[in-house]
Amino acid sequence: MPTITAGGTPQTISLPEGQALNISGSVGTAGVVYRLDPVLGGTNSLQSWTIGVGALAQIGPYAGLQRFLVTCSVGRVDVSASNAVLSLSSGGVAGSIPF
């Protein structure tokens, strides 16, 4: 996946179902990640995240293919995709109903 630098062209990233997007910024980075709306042909954003120094929390996973627009106005943004890591909160089992 790409590295996006300040003044570079924003990149559209496709994220397959079940994968998560990992975004991190170098020192002094400023940028934004937009999750694009597939119903409107990717012209509007459904969500956005501000990119700064360090790693953002994992974005995803989602059902179906998702597209993200990643921008960088200062610094450098590194983008990668990986298999999603899901965790359960302690004290329960997924799908259980408490009594």
C-alpha atoms as a PDB file:
ATOM      1  CA  MET A   1       0.000   0.000   0.000  1.00  0.00           C
ATOM      2  CA  PRO A   2       1.143   3.552  -0.590  1.00  0.00           C
ATOM      3  CA  THR A   3       2.978   6.240   1.292  1.00  0.00           C
ATOM      4  CA  ILE A   4       1.382   9.642   0.727  1.00  0.00           C
ATOM      5  CA  THR A   5       3.457  12.782   1.114  1.00  0.00           C
ATOM      6  CA  ALA A   6       2.538  16.428   1.598  1.00  0.00           C
ATOM      7  CA  GLY A   7       1.457  18.040  -1.630  1.00  0.00           C
ATOM      8  CA  GLY A   8       1.016  14.650  -3.270  1.00  0.00           C
ATOM      9  CA  THR A   9      -2.147  13.454  -4.935  1.00  0.00           C
ATOM     10  CA  PRO A  10      -4.754  12.049  -2.506  1.00  0.00           C
ATOM     11  CA  GLN A  11      -4.990   8.278  -2.899  1.00  0.00           C
ATOM     12  CA  THR A  12      -8.130   6.144  -3.101  1.00  0.00           C
ATOM     13  CA  ILE A  13      -7.593   2.881  -1.235  1.00  0.00           C
ATOM     14  CA  SER A  14      -9.816  -0.181  -1.751  1.00  0.00           C
ATOM     15  CA  LEU A  15     -10.292  -2.325   1.343  1.00  0.00           C
ATOM     16  CA  PRO A  16     -11.616  -5.881   0.805  1.00  0.00           C
ATOM     17  CA  GLU A  17     -14.280  -7.280   3.124  1.00  0.00           C
ATOM     18  CA  GLY A  18     -12.880  -8.541   6.427  1.00  0.00           C
ATOM     19  CA  GLN A  19      -9.707  -6.469   6.218  1.00  0.00           C
ATOM     20  CA  ALA A  20      -8.723  -3.461   8.305  1.00  0.00           C
ATOM     21  CA  LEU A  21      -6.994  -0.265   7.250  1.00  0.00           C
ATOM     22  CA  ASN A  22      -3.899   0.821   9.181  1.00  0.00           C
ATOM     23  CA  ILE A  23      -2.858   4.472   8.936  1.00  0.00           C
ATOM     24  CA  SER A  24       0.120   6.164  10.581  1.00  0.00           C
ATOM     25  CA  GLY A  25       1.617   9.615  10.299  1.00  0.00           C
ATOM     26  CA  SER A  26       5.188  10.824  10.708  1.00  0.00           C
ATOM     27  CA  VAL A  27       6.119  13.619  13.121  1.00  0.00           C
ATOM     28  CA  GLY A  28       4.218  16.802  12.252  1.00  0.00           C
ATOM     29  CA  THR A  29       1.799  15.057   9.880  1.00  0.00           C
ATOM     30  CA  ALA A  30      -1.611  16.498   9.062  1.00  0.00           C
ATOM     31  CA  GLY A  31      -4.094  14.679   6.881  1.00  0.00           C
ATOM     32  CA  VAL A  32      -7.548  13.110   6.703  1.00  0.00           C
ATOM     33  CA  VAL A  33      -8.975   9.683   5.815  1.00  0.00           C
ATOM     34  CA  TYR A  34     -12.482   9.626   4.327  1.00  0.00           C
ATOM     35  CA  ARG A  35     -14.631   6.478   4.010  1.00  0.00           C
ATOM     36  CA  LEU A  36     -16.457   6.961   0.701  1.00  0.00           C
ATOM     37  CA  ASP A  37     -20.150   6.242   0.195  1.00  0.00           C
ATOM     38  CA  PRO A  38     -20.524   3.396  -2.342  1.00  0.00           C
ATOM     39  CA  VAL A  39     -24.226   4.156  -2.880  1.00  0.00           C
ATOM     40  CA  LEU A  40     -23.370   7.620  -4.210  1.00  0.00           C
ATOM     41  CA  GLY A  41     -20.496   6.334  -6.333  1.00  0.00           C
ATOM     42  CA  GLY A  42     -17.817   7.361  -3.865  1.00  0.00           C
ATOM     43  CA  THR A  43     -18.531  11.075  -4.138  1.00  0.00           C
ATOM     44  CA  ASN A  44     -19.508  11.716  -0.499  1.00  0.00           C
ATOM     45  CA  SER A  45     -17.877  10.590   2.722  1.00  0.00           C
ATOM     46  CA  LEU A  46     -19.635   8.519   5.373  1.00  0.00           C
ATOM     47  CA  GLN A  47     -16.955   8.984   8.031  1.00  0.00           C
ATOM     48  CA  SER A  48     -13.631  10.740   8.430  1.00  0.00           C
ATOM     49  CA  TRP A  49     -10.588  10.473  10.674  1.00  0.00           C
ATOM     50  CA  THR A  50      -7.902  13.099  11.300  1.00  0.00           C
ATOM     51  CA  ILE A  51      -4.336  11.896  10.800  1.00  0.00           C
ATOM     52  CA  GLY A  52      -1.569  13.192  13.052  1.00  0.00           C
ATOM     53  CA  VAL A  53       1.640  11.757  14.443  1.00  0.00           C
ATOM     54  CA  GLY A  54       1.535   8.023  15.184  1.00  0.00           C
ATOM     55  CA  ALA A  55      -0.937   5.307  14.319  1.00  0.00           C
ATOM     56  CA  LEU A  56      -4.705   5.654  14.171  1.00  0.00           C
ATOM     57  CA  ALA A  57      -6.839   2.922  15.653  1.00  0.00           C
ATOM     58  CA  GLN A  58      -7.516   0.148  13.140  1.00  0.00           C
ATOM     59  CA  ILE A  59     -10.292   1.172  10.723  1.00  0.00           C
ATOM     60  CA  GLY A  60     -12.633  -1.697   9.882  1.00  0.00           C
ATOM     61  CA  PRO A  61     -13.431  -4.424   9.211  1.00  0.00           C
ATOM     62  CA  TYR A  62     -16.518  -3.816   7.116  1.00  0.00           C
ATOM     63  CA  ALA A  63     -18.904  -6.046   5.202  1.00  0.00           C
ATOM     64  CA  GLY A  64     -18.273  -5.694   1.485  1.00  0.00           C
ATOM     65  CA  LEU A  65     -15.619  -3.721  -0.356  1.00  0.00           C
ATOM     66  CA  GLN A  66     -14.957  -0.219   1.031  1.00  0.00           C
ATOM     67  CA  ARG A  67     -13.088   2.703  -0.499  1.00  0.00           C
ATOM     68  CA  PHE A  68     -11.152   5.351   1.400  1.00  0.00           C
ATOM     69  CA  LEU A  69      -9.646   8.641   0.245  1.00  0.00           C
ATOM     70  CA  VAL A  70      -6.406   9.437   2.104  1.00  0.00           C
ATOM     71  CA  THR A  71      -4.995  12.969   2.026  1.00  0.00           C
ATOM     72  CA  CYS A  72      -1.809  14.479   3.430  1.00  0.00           C
ATOM     73  CA  SER A  73      -1.178  18.217   3.697  1.00  0.00           C
ATOM     74  CA  VAL A  74       1.943  18.074   5.918  1.00  0.00           C
ATOM     75  CA  GLY A  75       4.446  15.265   6.552  1.00  0.00           C
ATOM     76  CA  ARG A  76       3.994  11.662   5.422  1.00  0.00           C
ATOM     77  CA  VAL A  77       1.173   9.110   5.792  1.00  0.00           C
ATOM     78  CA  ASP A  78       1.788   5.353   5.571  1.00  0.00           C
ATOM     79  CA  VAL A  79      -1.165   3.147   4.610  1.00  0.00           C
ATOM     80  CA  SER A  80      -1.491  -0.633   4.880  1.00  0.00           C
ATOM     81  CA  ALA A  81      -4.216  -3.249   5.034  1.00  0.00           C
ATOM     82  CA  SER A  82      -4.248  -6.371   7.168  1.00  0.00           C
ATOM     83  CA  ASN A  83      -6.584  -9.096   8.326  1.00  0.00           C
ATOM     84  CA  ALA A  84      -8.850  -7.610  10.980  1.00  0.00           C
ATOM     85  CA  VAL A  85      -8.160  -8.374  14.615  1.00  0.00           C
ATOM     86  CA  LEU A  86     -11.396  -8.717  16.546  1.00  0.00           C
ATOM     87  CA  SER A  87     -11.533  -9.036  20.298  1.00  0.00           C
ATOM     88  CA  LEU A  88     -14.313  -9.873  22.714  1.00  0.00           C
ATOM     89  CA  SER A  89     -14.794  -7.999  25.929  1.00  0.00           C
ATOM     90  CA  SER A  90     -14.102 -10.029  29.037  1.00  0.00           C
ATOM     91  CA  GLY A  91     -16.994 -11.724  30.783  1.00  0.00           C
ATOM     92  CA  GLY A  92     -19.007 -12.741  27.776  1.00  0.00           C
ATOM     93  CA  VAL A  93     -19.255 -14.861  24.698  1.00  0.00           C
ATOM     94  CA  ALA A  94     -20.217 -13.415  21.352  1.00  0.00           C
ATOM     95  CA  GLY A  95     -23.909 -13.938  20.790  1.00  0.00           C
ATOM     96  CA  SER A  96     -24.696 -14.831  24.394  1.00  0.00           C
ATOM     97  CA  ILE A  97     -27.719 -13.424  26.158  1.00  0.00           C
ATOM     98  CA  PRO A  98     -27.220 -12.512  29.825  1.00  0.00           C
ATOM     99  CA  PHE A  99     -29.822 -13.714  32.352  1.00  0.00           C
END
